[in-house]
């Protein structure tokens, strides 16, 4: 345990505040795009601005806002030199394998890179992922809901099982925001805009996972 992304807990417990950028940033940049090409470039522009704002620090890529595979395929080479990637939707092992293959294709050594798994983790999944990827990449875990609220199976009908609750930007200057994710069950936004974003970002069939 090395820190928390909850700033209040970090302050009260005198531990390090850590975390990555969030989906809201590319969602807002994308909503403000005037053309399909501007939309296509929005996820990279936000990271270029992030890099400048933080003077080359905090360099963790969150690639799944509009589909990880397409994001990495079209990513500029300078992003491959960043510290690592956060896997936040879809099958986590598949996401990590995709990241490893991408780093290799860009001439980077995955053993020098950090993969942060952060979606629906419990102890069994953490142990499984650690065993598979340790030594191949640097491995870390953003463990949230099932660390603080794992009451699954304790009452009849699983009534204390945690539910999915997230806070996202819903519009920017009157334009709706969209998030696609690597899991179609996590998609957010008007259906017409979801369909448009899937076309622009060339998102094909996706495997639905429970959230």
N, C-alpha and C. Protein backbone atom coordinates (compact mmCIF):
# COMPACT_ATOMS: atom_id res chain seq x y z
N UNK A 1 0.85 -1.18 0.00
CA UNK A 1 0.00 0.00 0.00
C UNK A 1 0.89 1.23 0.00
N UNK A 2 0.81 2.03 -1.08
CA UNK A 2 1.75 3.15 -1.21
C UNK A 2 1.06 4.51 -1.20
N UNK A 3 -0.27 4.56 -1.22
CA UNK A 3 -0.94 5.85 -1.21
C UNK A 3 -2.40 5.72 -1.59
N UNK A 4 -3.07 6.86 -1.74
CA UNK A 4 -4.48 6.87 -2.08
C UNK A 4 -4.78 8.02 -3.04
N UNK A 5 -5.78 7.81 -3.90
CA UNK A 5 -6.22 8.89 -4.79
C UNK A 5 -7.28 9.76 -4.12
N UNK A 6 -7.68 9.40 -2.90
CA UNK A 6 -8.62 10.21 -2.14
C UNK A 6 -7.84 11.28 -1.38
N UNK A 7 -7.93 12.51 -1.83
CA UNK A 7 -7.09 13.58 -1.27
C UNK A 7 -7.39 13.82 0.21
N UNK A 8 -8.65 13.69 0.61
CA UNK A 8 -9.00 13.92 2.01
C UNK A 8 -8.38 12.84 2.91
N UNK A 9 -8.46 11.58 2.47
CA UNK A 9 -7.85 10.51 3.25
C UNK A 9 -6.34 10.71 3.33
N UNK A 10 -5.74 11.10 2.20
CA UNK A 10 -4.29 11.33 2.20
C UNK A 10 -3.91 12.41 3.21
N UNK A 11 -4.70 13.48 3.26
CA UNK A 11 -4.42 14.57 4.19
C UNK A 11 -4.60 14.12 5.64
N UNK A 12 -5.70 13.43 5.92
CA UNK A 12 -6.01 13.06 7.30
C UNK A 12 -5.06 11.98 7.82
N UNK A 13 -4.64 11.07 6.94
CA UNK A 13 -3.80 9.94 7.38
C UNK A 13 -2.32 10.17 7.10
N UNK A 14 -2.00 11.34 6.54
CA UNK A 14 -0.61 11.69 6.26
C UNK A 14 0.07 10.63 5.39
N UNK A 15 -0.60 10.28 4.29
CA UNK A 15 -0.02 9.37 3.31
C UNK A 15 -0.01 10.05 1.95
N UNK A 16 0.72 9.47 1.03
CA UNK A 16 0.91 10.12 -0.27
C UNK A 16 -0.38 10.11 -1.09
N UNK A 17 -0.68 11.24 -1.70
CA UNK A 17 -1.80 11.34 -2.64
C UNK A 17 -1.29 10.96 -4.03
N UNK A 18 -1.84 9.90 -4.60
CA UNK A 18 -1.40 9.42 -5.90
C UNK A 18 -2.62 9.19 -6.79
N UNK A 19 -2.38 9.09 -8.08
CA UNK A 19 -3.48 8.84 -9.00
C UNK A 19 -3.08 9.20 -10.42
N UNK A 20 -4.04 9.17 -11.33
CA UNK A 20 -3.79 9.48 -12.73
C UNK A 20 -4.80 10.52 -13.20
N UNK A 21 -4.66 10.95 -14.45
CA UNK A 21 -5.70 11.81 -15.02
C UNK A 21 -6.98 10.99 -15.22
N UNK A 22 -8.06 11.67 -15.51
CA UNK A 22 -9.38 11.03 -15.53
C UNK A 22 -10.01 11.09 -16.92
N UNK A 23 -11.06 10.27 -17.11
CA UNK A 23 -11.74 10.24 -18.40
C UNK A 23 -12.38 11.58 -18.76
N UNK A 24 -12.73 12.37 -17.74
CA UNK A 24 -13.42 13.64 -18.03
C UNK A 24 -12.61 14.55 -18.94
N UNK A 25 -11.29 14.51 -18.84
CA UNK A 25 -10.48 15.42 -19.66
C UNK A 25 -10.67 15.17 -21.16
N UNK A 26 -10.42 13.96 -21.68
CA UNK A 26 -10.69 13.76 -23.11
C UNK A 26 -12.16 13.88 -23.46
N UNK A 27 -13.06 13.57 -22.52
CA UNK A 27 -14.48 13.73 -22.81
C UNK A 27 -14.83 15.19 -23.11
N UNK A 28 -14.28 16.10 -22.33
CA UNK A 28 -14.55 17.53 -22.54
C UNK A 28 -13.86 18.02 -23.81
N UNK A 29 -12.59 17.67 -23.99
CA UNK A 29 -11.89 18.07 -25.21
C UNK A 29 -12.64 17.58 -26.44
N UNK A 30 -13.12 16.34 -26.40
CA UNK A 30 -13.82 15.77 -27.54
C UNK A 30 -15.14 16.49 -27.80
N UNK A 31 -15.85 16.81 -26.73
CA UNK A 31 -17.14 17.49 -26.89
C UNK A 31 -16.97 18.85 -27.55
N UNK A 32 -15.84 19.49 -27.32
CA UNK A 32 -15.59 20.83 -27.87
C UNK A 32 -15.03 20.79 -29.29
N UNK A 33 -14.75 19.60 -29.81
CA UNK A 33 -14.20 19.48 -31.16
C UNK A 33 -15.24 19.89 -32.20
N UNK A 34 -14.80 20.64 -33.21
CA UNK A 34 -15.72 21.13 -34.23
C UNK A 34 -15.87 20.20 -35.42
N UNK A 35 -14.87 19.36 -35.67
CA UNK A 35 -14.90 18.46 -36.82
C UNK A 35 -14.56 17.05 -36.37
N UNK A 36 -14.82 16.08 -37.24
CA UNK A 36 -14.46 14.70 -36.92
C UNK A 36 -12.96 14.55 -36.72
N UNK A 37 -12.16 15.27 -37.50
CA UNK A 37 -10.71 15.17 -37.35
C UNK A 37 -10.27 15.77 -36.02
N UNK A 38 -10.87 16.90 -35.64
CA UNK A 38 -10.58 17.47 -34.31
C UNK A 38 -10.96 16.48 -33.22
N UNK A 39 -12.09 15.82 -33.39
CA UNK A 39 -12.53 14.82 -32.43
C UNK A 39 -11.53 13.68 -32.33
N UNK A 40 -11.06 13.23 -33.48
CA UNK A 40 -10.11 12.11 -33.52
C UNK A 40 -8.80 12.45 -32.80
N UNK A 41 -8.41 13.72 -32.84
CA UNK A 41 -7.15 14.14 -32.23
C UNK A 41 -7.30 14.57 -30.77
N UNK A 42 -8.53 14.73 -30.30
CA UNK A 42 -8.76 15.26 -28.96
C UNK A 42 -8.07 14.46 -27.85
N UNK A 43 -8.10 13.12 -27.86
CA UNK A 43 -7.44 12.38 -26.77
C UNK A 43 -5.93 12.61 -26.71
N UNK A 44 -5.31 12.93 -27.83
CA UNK A 44 -3.87 13.18 -27.84
C UNK A 44 -3.56 14.63 -27.46
N UNK A 45 -4.43 15.56 -27.87
CA UNK A 45 -4.22 16.96 -27.50
C UNK A 45 -4.29 17.15 -26.00
N UNK A 46 -5.21 16.44 -25.35
CA UNK A 46 -5.34 16.60 -23.91
C UNK A 46 -4.09 16.09 -23.19
N UNK A 47 -3.47 15.04 -23.70
CA UNK A 47 -2.26 14.52 -23.06
C UNK A 47 -1.05 15.41 -23.36
N UNK A 48 -1.04 16.03 -24.53
CA UNK A 48 0.02 17.01 -24.81
C UNK A 48 -0.09 18.19 -23.85
N UNK A 49 -1.31 18.66 -23.62
CA UNK A 49 -1.50 19.76 -22.67
C UNK A 49 -1.17 19.32 -21.24
N UNK A 50 -1.55 18.09 -20.90
CA UNK A 50 -1.23 17.54 -19.58
C UNK A 50 0.29 17.50 -19.37
N UNK A 51 1.00 17.05 -20.39
CA UNK A 51 2.46 16.96 -20.32
C UNK A 51 3.07 18.34 -20.07
N UNK A 52 2.55 19.34 -20.77
CA UNK A 52 3.06 20.70 -20.59
C UNK A 52 2.70 21.25 -19.22
N UNK A 53 1.47 21.02 -18.79
CA UNK A 53 1.00 21.54 -17.51
C UNK A 53 1.81 20.98 -16.34
N UNK A 54 2.15 19.70 -16.42
CA UNK A 54 2.84 19.04 -15.30
C UNK A 54 4.34 18.87 -15.56
N UNK A 55 4.84 19.56 -16.57
CA UNK A 55 6.27 19.62 -16.84
C UNK A 55 6.90 18.23 -16.94
N UNK A 56 6.20 17.33 -17.64
CA UNK A 56 6.75 16.01 -17.89
C UNK A 56 6.57 15.02 -16.76
N UNK A 57 5.82 15.38 -15.72
CA UNK A 57 5.56 14.46 -14.61
C UNK A 57 4.16 13.84 -14.75
N UNK A 58 3.85 12.89 -13.89
CA UNK A 58 2.51 12.26 -13.85
C UNK A 58 2.15 11.68 -15.21
N UNK A 59 3.07 10.94 -15.79
CA UNK A 59 2.91 10.49 -17.18
C UNK A 59 2.34 9.07 -17.24
N UNK A 60 1.08 8.93 -16.86
CA UNK A 60 0.35 7.67 -16.98
C UNK A 60 -0.77 7.87 -17.99
N UNK A 61 -0.80 7.02 -19.01
CA UNK A 61 -1.81 7.11 -20.06
C UNK A 61 -3.08 6.38 -19.61
N UNK A 62 -4.22 7.01 -19.81
CA UNK A 62 -5.52 6.36 -19.62
C UNK A 62 -6.15 6.24 -21.01
N UNK A 63 -5.99 5.10 -21.68
CA UNK A 63 -6.25 5.03 -23.13
C UNK A 63 -7.65 4.60 -23.53
N UNK A 64 -8.52 4.25 -22.59
CA UNK A 64 -9.74 3.53 -22.97
C UNK A 64 -10.96 4.41 -23.19
N UNK A 65 -10.84 5.72 -23.07
CA UNK A 65 -12.03 6.58 -23.17
C UNK A 65 -12.79 6.32 -24.46
N UNK A 66 -12.05 6.17 -25.56
CA UNK A 66 -12.68 5.88 -26.85
C UNK A 66 -12.11 4.62 -27.49
N UNK A 67 -11.69 3.68 -26.65
CA UNK A 67 -11.20 2.40 -27.13
C UNK A 67 -9.68 2.33 -27.11
N UNK A 68 -9.14 1.40 -26.34
CA UNK A 68 -7.70 1.31 -26.15
C UNK A 68 -6.96 0.96 -27.44
N UNK A 69 -7.44 -0.03 -28.18
CA UNK A 69 -6.70 -0.48 -29.36
C UNK A 69 -6.54 0.63 -30.38
N UNK A 70 -7.62 1.34 -30.68
CA UNK A 70 -7.54 2.43 -31.63
C UNK A 70 -6.68 3.57 -31.12
N UNK A 71 -6.80 3.86 -29.83
CA UNK A 71 -5.99 4.93 -29.24
C UNK A 71 -4.51 4.63 -29.42
N UNK A 72 -4.09 3.43 -29.08
CA UNK A 72 -2.67 3.09 -29.16
C UNK A 72 -2.20 2.99 -30.61
N UNK A 73 -3.04 2.46 -31.48
CA UNK A 73 -2.65 2.31 -32.88
C UNK A 73 -2.30 3.65 -33.51
N UNK A 74 -3.04 4.70 -33.16
CA UNK A 74 -2.84 6.01 -33.78
C UNK A 74 -2.06 6.98 -32.90
N UNK A 75 -1.58 6.51 -31.76
CA UNK A 75 -0.89 7.40 -30.81
C UNK A 75 0.44 7.89 -31.37
N UNK A 76 0.80 9.14 -31.12
CA UNK A 76 2.12 9.63 -31.53
C UNK A 76 3.23 8.92 -30.75
N UNK A 77 4.41 8.86 -31.34
CA UNK A 77 5.51 8.11 -30.73
C UNK A 77 5.91 8.64 -29.37
N UNK A 78 5.75 9.96 -29.13
CA UNK A 78 6.19 10.51 -27.86
C UNK A 78 5.41 9.94 -26.68
N UNK A 79 4.19 9.46 -26.92
CA UNK A 79 3.42 8.88 -25.82
C UNK A 79 4.00 7.55 -25.36
N UNK A 80 4.67 6.84 -26.25
CA UNK A 80 5.27 5.55 -25.87
C UNK A 80 6.38 5.73 -24.85
N UNK A 81 6.91 6.94 -24.75
CA UNK A 81 7.99 7.19 -23.79
C UNK A 81 7.46 7.55 -22.40
N UNK A 82 6.14 7.64 -22.26
CA UNK A 82 5.57 7.93 -20.94
C UNK A 82 5.79 6.75 -19.99
N UNK A 83 5.55 6.99 -18.72
CA UNK A 83 5.88 6.02 -17.66
C UNK A 83 5.07 4.74 -17.75
N UNK A 84 3.77 4.86 -18.06
CA UNK A 84 2.95 3.65 -18.04
C UNK A 84 1.54 3.89 -18.51
N UNK A 85 0.69 2.89 -18.27
CA UNK A 85 -0.69 2.87 -18.73
C UNK A 85 -1.59 2.37 -17.60
N UNK A 86 -2.79 2.97 -17.50
CA UNK A 86 -3.79 2.47 -16.56
C UNK A 86 -4.84 1.68 -17.33
N UNK A 87 -5.12 0.46 -16.88
CA UNK A 87 -6.12 -0.41 -17.50
C UNK A 87 -7.40 -0.31 -16.67
N UNK A 88 -8.45 0.31 -17.24
CA UNK A 88 -9.62 0.65 -16.44
C UNK A 88 -10.93 0.09 -16.98
N UNK A 89 -10.88 -0.70 -18.04
CA UNK A 89 -12.11 -1.33 -18.54
C UNK A 89 -11.72 -2.48 -19.46
N UNK A 90 -12.71 -3.28 -19.82
CA UNK A 90 -12.43 -4.45 -20.64
C UNK A 90 -11.73 -5.53 -19.83
N UNK A 91 -11.27 -6.57 -20.51
CA UNK A 91 -10.53 -7.63 -19.82
C UNK A 91 -9.15 -7.11 -19.45
N UNK A 92 -8.78 -7.10 -18.17
CA UNK A 92 -7.52 -6.47 -17.77
C UNK A 92 -6.29 -7.15 -18.34
N UNK A 93 -6.29 -8.47 -18.43
CA UNK A 93 -5.14 -9.17 -18.99
C UNK A 93 -4.97 -8.84 -20.47
N UNK A 94 -6.08 -8.78 -21.20
CA UNK A 94 -6.02 -8.41 -22.61
C UNK A 94 -5.49 -7.00 -22.77
N UNK A 95 -5.95 -6.09 -21.91
CA UNK A 95 -5.48 -4.71 -21.97
C UNK A 95 -3.99 -4.60 -21.73
N UNK A 96 -3.48 -5.36 -20.77
CA UNK A 96 -2.05 -5.33 -20.48
C UNK A 96 -1.24 -5.93 -21.62
N UNK A 97 -1.73 -7.02 -22.19
CA UNK A 97 -1.02 -7.63 -23.33
C UNK A 97 -1.00 -6.66 -24.52
N UNK A 98 -2.10 -5.93 -24.72
CA UNK A 98 -2.14 -4.93 -25.79
C UNK A 98 -1.11 -3.84 -25.54
N UNK A 99 -0.99 -3.39 -24.30
CA UNK A 99 -0.01 -2.36 -23.96
C UNK A 99 1.41 -2.86 -24.18
N UNK A 100 1.69 -4.08 -23.77
CA UNK A 100 3.03 -4.65 -23.94
C UNK A 100 3.39 -4.73 -25.42
N UNK A 101 2.46 -5.22 -26.23
CA UNK A 101 2.71 -5.32 -27.67
C UNK A 101 2.94 -3.94 -28.28
N UNK A 102 2.19 -2.95 -27.81
CA UNK A 102 2.35 -1.58 -28.33
C UNK A 102 3.71 -1.02 -27.98
N UNK A 103 4.13 -1.17 -26.73
CA UNK A 103 5.46 -0.67 -26.35
C UNK A 103 6.54 -1.33 -27.20
N UNK A 104 6.45 -2.63 -27.39
CA UNK A 104 7.46 -3.31 -28.20
C UNK A 104 7.47 -2.78 -29.63
N UNK A 105 6.28 -2.52 -30.18
CA UNK A 105 6.19 -2.02 -31.55
C UNK A 105 6.78 -0.62 -31.69
N UNK A 106 6.85 0.12 -30.58
CA UNK A 106 7.41 1.47 -30.60
C UNK A 106 8.85 1.51 -30.08
N UNK A 107 9.46 0.34 -29.94
CA UNK A 107 10.86 0.28 -29.56
C UNK A 107 11.13 0.49 -28.08
N UNK A 108 10.11 0.32 -27.24
CA UNK A 108 10.26 0.49 -25.80
C UNK A 108 10.33 -0.88 -25.12
N UNK A 109 11.04 -0.95 -24.00
CA UNK A 109 11.14 -2.18 -23.22
C UNK A 109 10.01 -2.20 -22.19
N UNK A 110 9.04 -3.11 -22.32
CA UNK A 110 7.91 -3.13 -21.37
C UNK A 110 8.35 -3.32 -19.92
N UNK A 111 9.50 -3.92 -19.70
CA UNK A 111 9.96 -4.13 -18.32
C UNK A 111 10.26 -2.82 -17.61
N UNK A 112 10.43 -1.76 -18.38
CA UNK A 112 10.66 -0.44 -17.80
C UNK A 112 9.36 0.34 -17.59
N UNK A 113 8.23 -0.25 -18.00
CA UNK A 113 6.96 0.46 -17.98
C UNK A 113 6.07 -0.02 -16.84
N UNK A 114 5.16 0.86 -16.43
CA UNK A 114 4.24 0.58 -15.34
C UNK A 114 2.84 0.33 -15.88
N UNK A 115 2.22 -0.77 -15.46
CA UNK A 115 0.82 -1.03 -15.77
C UNK A 115 0.03 -0.96 -14.46
N UNK A 116 -0.97 -0.08 -14.44
CA UNK A 116 -1.83 0.07 -13.27
C UNK A 116 -3.20 -0.51 -13.61
N UNK A 117 -3.56 -1.59 -12.93
CA UNK A 117 -4.88 -2.18 -13.09
C UNK A 117 -5.83 -1.51 -12.09
N UNK A 118 -7.04 -1.13 -12.56
CA UNK A 118 -7.89 -0.34 -11.65
C UNK A 118 -9.38 -0.60 -11.82
N UNK A 119 -9.76 -1.73 -12.41
CA UNK A 119 -11.18 -1.94 -12.69
C UNK A 119 -11.69 -3.20 -12.01
N UNK A 120 -12.57 -3.04 -11.01
CA UNK A 120 -13.26 -4.17 -10.41
C UNK A 120 -12.36 -5.19 -9.75
N UNK A 121 -11.33 -4.74 -9.07
CA UNK A 121 -10.34 -5.66 -8.51
C UNK A 121 -10.78 -6.24 -7.17
N UNK A 122 -10.46 -7.52 -6.97
CA UNK A 122 -10.51 -8.12 -5.65
C UNK A 122 -9.21 -8.88 -5.45
N UNK A 123 -9.03 -9.51 -4.30
CA UNK A 123 -7.74 -10.13 -4.01
C UNK A 123 -7.41 -11.24 -5.01
N UNK A 124 -8.40 -12.02 -5.41
CA UNK A 124 -8.14 -13.11 -6.36
C UNK A 124 -7.64 -12.56 -7.69
N UNK A 125 -8.30 -11.51 -8.19
CA UNK A 125 -7.90 -10.93 -9.48
C UNK A 125 -6.53 -10.27 -9.38
N UNK A 126 -6.26 -9.60 -8.27
CA UNK A 126 -4.96 -8.97 -8.08
C UNK A 126 -3.85 -10.03 -8.11
N UNK A 127 -4.05 -11.12 -7.39
CA UNK A 127 -3.04 -12.18 -7.36
C UNK A 127 -2.85 -12.80 -8.74
N UNK A 128 -3.95 -13.00 -9.46
CA UNK A 128 -3.88 -13.59 -10.80
C UNK A 128 -3.10 -12.68 -11.76
N UNK A 129 -3.42 -11.39 -11.76
CA UNK A 129 -2.75 -10.46 -12.66
C UNK A 129 -1.28 -10.28 -12.28
N UNK A 130 -1.00 -10.23 -10.99
CA UNK A 130 0.39 -10.08 -10.55
C UNK A 130 1.21 -11.28 -11.01
N UNK A 131 0.68 -12.48 -10.85
CA UNK A 131 1.42 -13.68 -11.25
C UNK A 131 1.69 -13.70 -12.75
N UNK A 132 0.75 -13.20 -13.53
CA UNK A 132 0.90 -13.23 -14.99
C UNK A 132 1.87 -12.19 -15.51
N UNK A 133 1.91 -11.01 -14.88
CA UNK A 133 2.66 -9.91 -15.47
C UNK A 133 3.91 -9.49 -14.71
N UNK A 134 4.12 -9.98 -13.50
CA UNK A 134 5.31 -9.59 -12.77
C UNK A 134 6.55 -10.05 -13.54
N UNK A 135 7.52 -9.16 -13.66
CA UNK A 135 8.72 -9.45 -14.43
C UNK A 135 8.62 -9.05 -15.89
N UNK A 136 7.38 -8.92 -16.38
CA UNK A 136 7.18 -8.48 -17.77
C UNK A 136 6.97 -6.98 -17.84
N UNK A 137 6.32 -6.43 -16.81
CA UNK A 137 6.14 -4.99 -16.65
C UNK A 137 6.21 -4.70 -15.15
N UNK A 138 6.28 -3.43 -14.80
CA UNK A 138 6.09 -3.04 -13.41
C UNK A 138 4.59 -3.02 -13.15
N UNK A 139 4.16 -3.67 -12.08
CA UNK A 139 2.74 -3.89 -11.84
C UNK A 139 2.28 -3.11 -10.61
N UNK A 140 1.13 -2.44 -10.75
CA UNK A 140 0.52 -1.76 -9.62
C UNK A 140 -1.00 -1.89 -9.74
N UNK A 141 -1.70 -1.65 -8.63
CA UNK A 141 -3.14 -1.85 -8.61
C UNK A 141 -3.83 -0.67 -7.94
N UNK A 142 -4.83 -0.12 -8.62
CA UNK A 142 -5.70 0.89 -8.02
C UNK A 142 -6.93 0.18 -7.49
N UNK A 143 -6.91 -0.15 -6.20
CA UNK A 143 -7.94 -0.99 -5.59
C UNK A 143 -8.90 -0.10 -4.83
N UNK A 144 -10.16 -0.09 -5.23
CA UNK A 144 -11.11 0.83 -4.63
C UNK A 144 -12.32 0.17 -4.02
N UNK A 145 -13.36 -0.02 -4.84
CA UNK A 145 -14.66 -0.47 -4.34
C UNK A 145 -14.57 -1.73 -3.50
N UNK A 146 -13.90 -2.75 -4.02
CA UNK A 146 -13.89 -4.03 -3.32
C UNK A 146 -12.81 -4.10 -2.24
N UNK A 147 -12.11 -3.00 -2.01
CA UNK A 147 -11.28 -2.87 -0.82
C UNK A 147 -12.12 -2.33 0.34
N UNK A 148 -12.93 -1.32 0.06
CA UNK A 148 -13.66 -0.63 1.13
C UNK A 148 -15.11 -1.07 1.25
N UNK A 149 -15.64 -1.79 0.26
CA UNK A 149 -17.07 -2.09 0.27
C UNK A 149 -17.35 -3.49 -0.29
N UNK A 150 -16.59 -4.48 0.15
CA UNK A 150 -16.79 -5.84 -0.34
C UNK A 150 -17.64 -6.63 0.66
N UNK A 151 -18.95 -6.54 0.49
CA UNK A 151 -19.88 -7.29 1.33
C UNK A 151 -20.65 -8.31 0.50
N UNK A 152 -20.05 -8.74 -0.59
CA UNK A 152 -20.71 -9.70 -1.47
C UNK A 152 -20.97 -11.02 -0.73
N UNK A 153 -22.18 -11.55 -0.93
CA UNK A 153 -22.52 -12.85 -0.39
C UNK A 153 -22.83 -12.89 1.09
N UNK A 154 -22.92 -11.74 1.74
CA UNK A 154 -23.13 -11.73 3.19
C UNK A 154 -24.60 -11.76 3.58
N UNK A 155 -25.48 -11.36 2.68
CA UNK A 155 -26.91 -11.38 2.99
C UNK A 155 -27.66 -12.05 1.85
N UNK A 156 -28.90 -12.41 2.12
CA UNK A 156 -29.72 -13.07 1.12
C UNK A 156 -29.89 -12.19 -0.11
N UNK A 157 -29.86 -12.81 -1.27
CA UNK A 157 -30.02 -12.13 -2.56
C UNK A 157 -28.90 -11.13 -2.84
N UNK A 158 -27.81 -11.24 -2.10
CA UNK A 158 -26.63 -10.39 -2.32
C UNK A 158 -26.99 -8.90 -2.27
N UNK A 159 -27.85 -8.55 -1.31
CA UNK A 159 -28.35 -7.19 -1.22
C UNK A 159 -27.32 -6.14 -0.84
N UNK A 160 -26.15 -6.57 -0.35
CA UNK A 160 -25.10 -5.61 0.02
C UNK A 160 -24.00 -5.53 -1.03
N UNK A 161 -24.19 -6.20 -2.14
CA UNK A 161 -23.19 -6.15 -3.20
C UNK A 161 -23.06 -4.72 -3.72
N UNK A 162 -21.84 -4.21 -3.92
CA UNK A 162 -21.69 -2.82 -4.37
C UNK A 162 -22.24 -2.63 -5.78
N UNK A 163 -22.74 -1.43 -6.05
CA UNK A 163 -23.24 -1.11 -7.38
C UNK A 163 -22.31 -0.11 -8.04
N UNK A 164 -22.45 0.02 -9.35
CA UNK A 164 -21.58 0.90 -10.12
C UNK A 164 -22.08 2.34 -10.01
N UNK A 165 -21.22 3.22 -9.53
CA UNK A 165 -21.56 4.63 -9.40
C UNK A 165 -20.35 5.47 -9.78
N UNK A 166 -20.47 6.26 -10.83
CA UNK A 166 -19.38 7.12 -11.25
C UNK A 166 -19.91 8.53 -11.50
N UNK A 167 -19.03 9.50 -11.40
CA UNK A 167 -19.38 10.89 -11.69
C UNK A 167 -18.58 11.32 -12.92
N UNK A 168 -19.26 11.76 -13.96
CA UNK A 168 -18.61 12.19 -15.19
C UNK A 168 -19.20 13.52 -15.65
N UNK A 169 -18.44 14.23 -16.46
CA UNK A 169 -18.98 15.42 -17.12
C UNK A 169 -20.05 14.98 -18.11
N UNK A 170 -21.17 15.69 -18.14
CA UNK A 170 -22.25 15.34 -19.06
C UNK A 170 -22.35 16.29 -20.25
N UNK A 171 -21.74 17.48 -20.12
CA UNK A 171 -21.76 18.41 -21.25
C UNK A 171 -20.63 19.41 -21.08
N UNK A 172 -20.28 20.05 -22.19
CA UNK A 172 -19.26 21.11 -22.19
C UNK A 172 -19.72 22.18 -23.17
N UNK A 173 -19.96 23.37 -22.65
CA UNK A 173 -20.48 24.48 -23.45
C UNK A 173 -21.73 24.06 -24.23
N UNK A 174 -22.59 23.30 -23.56
CA UNK A 174 -23.85 22.90 -24.16
C UNK A 174 -23.77 21.69 -25.07
N UNK A 175 -22.59 21.15 -25.27
CA UNK A 175 -22.43 19.98 -26.13
C UNK A 175 -22.33 18.72 -25.27
N UNK A 176 -23.02 17.64 -25.64
CA UNK A 176 -22.98 16.43 -24.81
C UNK A 176 -21.60 15.77 -24.85
N UNK A 177 -21.21 15.21 -23.73
CA UNK A 177 -19.97 14.44 -23.68
C UNK A 177 -20.27 12.96 -23.88
N UNK A 178 -19.23 12.23 -24.28
CA UNK A 178 -19.37 10.80 -24.58
C UNK A 178 -18.17 10.05 -24.02
N UNK A 179 -18.43 8.89 -23.48
CA UNK A 179 -17.36 7.95 -23.11
C UNK A 179 -17.75 6.59 -23.67
N UNK A 180 -16.83 5.96 -24.39
CA UNK A 180 -17.12 4.66 -24.98
C UNK A 180 -16.60 3.52 -24.10
N UNK A 181 -15.33 3.61 -23.66
CA UNK A 181 -14.72 2.58 -22.84
C UNK A 181 -14.39 1.35 -23.69
N UNK A 182 -13.70 0.38 -23.08
CA UNK A 182 -13.46 -0.93 -23.70
C UNK A 182 -14.57 -1.91 -23.34
N UNK A 183 -15.53 -1.45 -22.59
CA UNK A 183 -16.68 -2.26 -22.18
C UNK A 183 -17.94 -1.50 -22.57
N UNK A 184 -18.73 -2.01 -23.52
CA UNK A 184 -19.90 -1.26 -23.97
C UNK A 184 -20.90 -0.97 -22.85
N UNK A 185 -20.86 -1.74 -21.77
CA UNK A 185 -21.76 -1.47 -20.65
C UNK A 185 -21.36 -0.21 -19.88
N UNK A 186 -20.17 0.32 -20.16
CA UNK A 186 -19.73 1.55 -19.51
C UNK A 186 -19.91 2.78 -20.40
N UNK A 187 -20.45 2.59 -21.60
CA UNK A 187 -20.62 3.72 -22.51
C UNK A 187 -21.59 4.75 -21.92
N UNK A 188 -21.28 6.03 -22.13
CA UNK A 188 -22.10 7.12 -21.60
C UNK A 188 -22.29 8.17 -22.68
N UNK A 189 -23.50 8.75 -22.71
CA UNK A 189 -23.80 9.82 -23.66
C UNK A 189 -25.02 9.50 -24.49
N UNK A 190 -25.52 10.46 -25.26
CA UNK A 190 -26.66 10.21 -26.14
C UNK A 190 -26.31 9.14 -27.17
N UNK A 191 -27.25 8.26 -27.48
CA UNK A 191 -26.96 7.14 -28.37
C UNK A 191 -26.48 7.61 -29.73
N UNK A 192 -27.05 8.70 -30.24
CA UNK A 192 -26.62 9.20 -31.55
C UNK A 192 -25.16 9.62 -31.53
N UNK A 193 -24.73 10.22 -30.41
CA UNK A 193 -23.34 10.63 -30.29
C UNK A 193 -22.42 9.42 -30.04
N UNK A 194 -22.90 8.45 -29.28
CA UNK A 194 -22.13 7.21 -29.10
C UNK A 194 -21.86 6.57 -30.45
N UNK A 195 -22.88 6.50 -31.30
CA UNK A 195 -22.72 5.91 -32.63
C UNK A 195 -21.72 6.71 -33.46
N UNK A 196 -21.79 8.03 -33.38
CA UNK A 196 -20.85 8.87 -34.12
C UNK A 196 -19.43 8.66 -33.63
N UNK A 197 -19.23 8.64 -32.34
CA UNK A 197 -17.89 8.46 -31.79
C UNK A 197 -17.33 7.09 -32.17
N UNK A 198 -18.17 6.07 -32.17
CA UNK A 198 -17.71 4.74 -32.58
C UNK A 198 -17.23 4.76 -34.03
N UNK A 199 -17.93 5.52 -34.86
CA UNK A 199 -17.51 5.63 -36.26
C UNK A 199 -16.19 6.38 -36.37
N UNK A 200 -16.07 7.51 -35.70
CA UNK A 200 -14.87 8.33 -35.79
C UNK A 200 -13.65 7.59 -35.25
N UNK A 201 -13.83 6.88 -34.13
CA UNK A 201 -12.71 6.19 -33.50
C UNK A 201 -12.59 4.73 -33.95
N UNK A 202 -13.41 4.36 -34.93
CA UNK A 202 -13.34 3.03 -35.53
C UNK A 202 -13.39 1.93 -34.47
N UNK A 203 -14.38 2.02 -33.60
CA UNK A 203 -14.56 1.03 -32.55
C UNK A 203 -15.45 -0.09 -33.08
N UNK A 204 -14.92 -1.30 -33.12
CA UNK A 204 -15.68 -2.44 -33.61
C UNK A 204 -16.42 -3.15 -32.50
N UNK A 205 -16.59 -4.46 -32.66
CA UNK A 205 -17.28 -5.25 -31.65
C UNK A 205 -16.49 -5.25 -30.34
N UNK A 206 -17.20 -5.15 -29.24
CA UNK A 206 -16.59 -5.16 -27.92
C UNK A 206 -17.27 -6.22 -27.05
N UNK A 207 -16.52 -6.76 -26.12
CA UNK A 207 -17.06 -7.75 -25.19
C UNK A 207 -17.66 -7.05 -23.98
N UNK A 208 -18.95 -7.27 -23.75
CA UNK A 208 -19.61 -6.66 -22.61
C UNK A 208 -19.23 -7.39 -21.33
N UNK A 209 -18.96 -6.61 -20.27
CA UNK A 209 -18.62 -7.16 -18.97
C UNK A 209 -19.51 -6.50 -17.92
N UNK A 210 -19.84 -7.25 -16.89
CA UNK A 210 -20.68 -6.71 -15.82
C UNK A 210 -19.97 -5.55 -15.13
N UNK A 211 -20.73 -4.54 -14.74
CA UNK A 211 -20.17 -3.39 -14.01
C UNK A 211 -20.94 -3.19 -12.71
